[in-house]
Amino acid sequence: MRGNRCRRTRQRLVEVHDAYLDDAEHQKTGAKIVAAAQGGVQGVFVYDLEIPD
């Protein structure tokens, strides 16, 4: 049971990730962050932070 839940959660994370990568507003914001960071993309650290409801 737990394995199935983990696979479903992982699949959902992939779907959400793919959706925001294609989002035009996300791309514009990301470009601004990279332009402002020292070292460009090398100066950016990205992570997901889960916040409980």
N, C-alpha and C. Protein backbone atom coordinates (compact mmCIF):
# COMPACT_ATOMS: atom_id res chain seq x y z
N MET A 1 0.82 -1.20 0.00
CA MET A 1 0.00 0.00 0.00
C MET A 1 0.86 1.26 0.00
N ARG A 2 1.85 1.29 0.86
CA ARG A 2 2.70 2.48 0.96
C ARG A 2 3.46 2.74 -0.35
N GLY A 3 3.92 1.68 -1.00
CA GLY A 3 4.64 1.82 -2.25
C GLY A 3 3.78 2.45 -3.33
N ASN A 4 2.52 2.06 -3.40
CA ASN A 4 1.60 2.65 -4.38
C ASN A 4 1.39 4.13 -4.11
N ARG A 5 1.25 4.49 -2.85
CA ARG A 5 1.05 5.89 -2.48
C ARG A 5 2.29 6.71 -2.86
N CYS A 6 3.47 6.16 -2.62
CA CYS A 6 4.71 6.86 -2.97
C CYS A 6 4.81 7.06 -4.48
N ARG A 7 4.44 6.03 -5.25
CA ARG A 7 4.48 6.16 -6.71
C ARG A 7 3.48 7.21 -7.19
N ARG A 8 2.29 7.23 -6.61
CA ARG A 8 1.29 8.23 -7.00
C ARG A 8 1.76 9.64 -6.64
N THR A 9 2.35 9.78 -5.47
CA THR A 9 2.87 11.08 -5.05
C THR A 9 3.99 11.53 -5.98
N ARG A 10 4.88 10.61 -6.31
CA ARG A 10 5.99 10.93 -7.22
C ARG A 10 5.45 11.34 -8.59
N GLN A 11 4.47 10.61 -9.10
CA GLN A 11 3.88 10.94 -10.39
C GLN A 11 3.25 12.33 -10.35
N ARG A 12 2.55 12.65 -9.27
CA ARG A 12 1.92 13.97 -9.14
C ARG A 12 2.98 15.06 -9.10
N LEU A 13 4.07 14.84 -8.41
CA LEU A 13 5.15 15.82 -8.36
C LEU A 13 5.73 16.06 -9.75
N VAL A 14 5.89 15.00 -10.52
CA VAL A 14 6.39 15.13 -11.89
C VAL A 14 5.42 15.95 -12.73
N GLU A 15 4.13 15.69 -12.61
CA GLU A 15 3.12 16.43 -13.38
C GLU A 15 3.13 17.92 -13.03
N VAL A 16 3.21 18.23 -11.75
CA VAL A 16 3.24 19.63 -11.31
C VAL A 16 4.53 20.30 -11.80
N HIS A 17 5.64 19.62 -11.63
CA HIS A 17 6.93 20.14 -12.09
C HIS A 17 6.90 20.46 -13.57
N ASP A 18 6.41 19.53 -14.38
CA ASP A 18 6.34 19.74 -15.82
C ASP A 18 5.44 20.91 -16.17
N ALA A 19 4.34 21.06 -15.45
CA ALA A 19 3.40 22.16 -15.73
C ALA A 19 4.04 23.52 -15.47
N TYR A 20 4.76 23.67 -14.35
CA TYR A 20 5.33 24.99 -14.10
C TYR A 20 6.55 25.27 -14.94
N LEU A 21 7.24 24.25 -15.42
CA LEU A 21 8.36 24.49 -16.33
C LEU A 21 7.88 25.12 -17.63
N ASP A 22 6.71 24.74 -18.09
CA ASP A 22 6.16 25.25 -19.34
C ASP A 22 5.43 26.59 -19.18
N ASP A 23 5.23 27.04 -17.95
CA ASP A 23 4.47 28.26 -17.70
C ASP A 23 5.30 29.49 -18.07
N ALA A 24 4.74 30.36 -18.92
CA ALA A 24 5.45 31.54 -19.40
C ALA A 24 5.85 32.47 -18.26
N GLU A 25 4.98 32.65 -17.29
CA GLU A 25 5.29 33.53 -16.15
C GLU A 25 6.44 32.95 -15.32
N HIS A 26 6.44 31.65 -15.14
CA HIS A 26 7.53 30.98 -14.43
C HIS A 26 8.85 31.20 -15.16
N GLN A 27 8.84 31.08 -16.48
CA GLN A 27 10.05 31.26 -17.28
C GLN A 27 10.58 32.70 -17.18
N LYS A 28 9.68 33.68 -17.22
CA LYS A 28 10.11 35.09 -17.09
C LYS A 28 10.70 35.36 -15.72
N THR A 29 10.06 34.82 -14.69
CA THR A 29 10.56 35.02 -13.33
C THR A 29 11.91 34.34 -13.15
N GLY A 30 12.04 33.12 -13.66
CA GLY A 30 13.31 32.40 -13.58
C GLY A 30 14.43 33.15 -14.28
N ALA A 31 14.14 33.73 -15.44
CA ALA A 31 15.15 34.50 -16.17
C ALA A 31 15.61 35.71 -15.36
N LYS A 32 14.69 36.37 -14.68
CA LYS A 32 15.04 37.52 -13.83
C LYS A 32 15.93 37.09 -12.67
N ILE A 33 15.60 35.95 -12.06
CA ILE A 33 16.40 35.45 -10.93
C ILE A 33 17.81 35.13 -11.40
N VAL A 34 17.94 34.43 -12.51
CA VAL A 34 19.25 34.07 -13.05
C VAL A 34 20.05 35.31 -13.40
N ALA A 35 19.40 36.31 -14.01
CA ALA A 35 20.10 37.55 -14.39
C ALA A 35 20.61 38.30 -13.16
N ALA A 36 19.88 38.22 -12.05
CA ALA A 36 20.26 38.95 -10.85
C ALA A 36 21.27 38.20 -9.99
N ALA A 37 21.41 36.90 -10.20
CA ALA A 37 22.29 36.09 -9.35
C ALA A 37 23.76 36.27 -9.74
N GLN A 38 24.63 36.30 -8.74
CA GLN A 38 26.06 36.31 -9.03
C GLN A 38 26.42 34.98 -9.66
N GLY A 39 27.04 35.01 -10.82
CA GLY A 39 27.41 33.78 -11.51
C GLY A 39 26.29 33.20 -12.36
N GLY A 40 25.22 33.97 -12.56
CA GLY A 40 24.12 33.48 -13.39
C GLY A 40 23.49 32.24 -12.80
N VAL A 41 23.22 31.26 -13.66
CA VAL A 41 22.53 30.05 -13.20
C VAL A 41 23.35 29.31 -12.13
N GLN A 42 24.66 29.46 -12.15
CA GLN A 42 25.50 28.81 -11.13
C GLN A 42 25.28 29.41 -9.74
N GLY A 43 24.71 30.60 -9.70
CA GLY A 43 24.45 31.26 -8.42
C GLY A 43 23.05 31.04 -7.88
N VAL A 44 22.32 30.08 -8.46
CA VAL A 44 20.94 29.82 -8.05
C VAL A 44 20.84 28.40 -7.48
N PHE A 45 20.19 28.29 -6.34
CA PHE A 45 19.91 26.99 -5.73
C PHE A 45 18.40 26.87 -5.61
N VAL A 46 17.84 25.82 -6.19
CA VAL A 46 16.39 25.65 -6.21
C VAL A 46 16.01 24.38 -5.46
N TYR A 47 14.97 24.46 -4.67
CA TYR A 47 14.46 23.28 -3.96
C TYR A 47 12.97 23.43 -3.75
N ASP A 48 12.32 22.33 -3.51
CA ASP A 48 10.89 22.32 -3.20
C ASP A 48 10.73 22.28 -1.69
N LEU A 49 9.84 23.09 -1.19
CA LEU A 49 9.55 23.12 0.24
C LEU A 49 8.08 22.82 0.41
N GLU A 50 7.79 21.68 1.01
CA GLU A 50 6.40 21.30 1.24
C GLU A 50 5.89 21.99 2.49
N ILE A 51 4.77 22.68 2.34
CA ILE A 51 4.14 23.37 3.47
C ILE A 51 2.81 22.72 3.72
N PRO A 52 2.62 22.13 4.90
CA PRO A 52 1.34 21.45 5.19
C PRO A 52 0.18 22.44 5.17
N ASP A 53 -0.96 21.95 4.76
CA ASP A 53 -2.18 22.79 4.72
C ASP A 53 -2.62 23.14 6.12
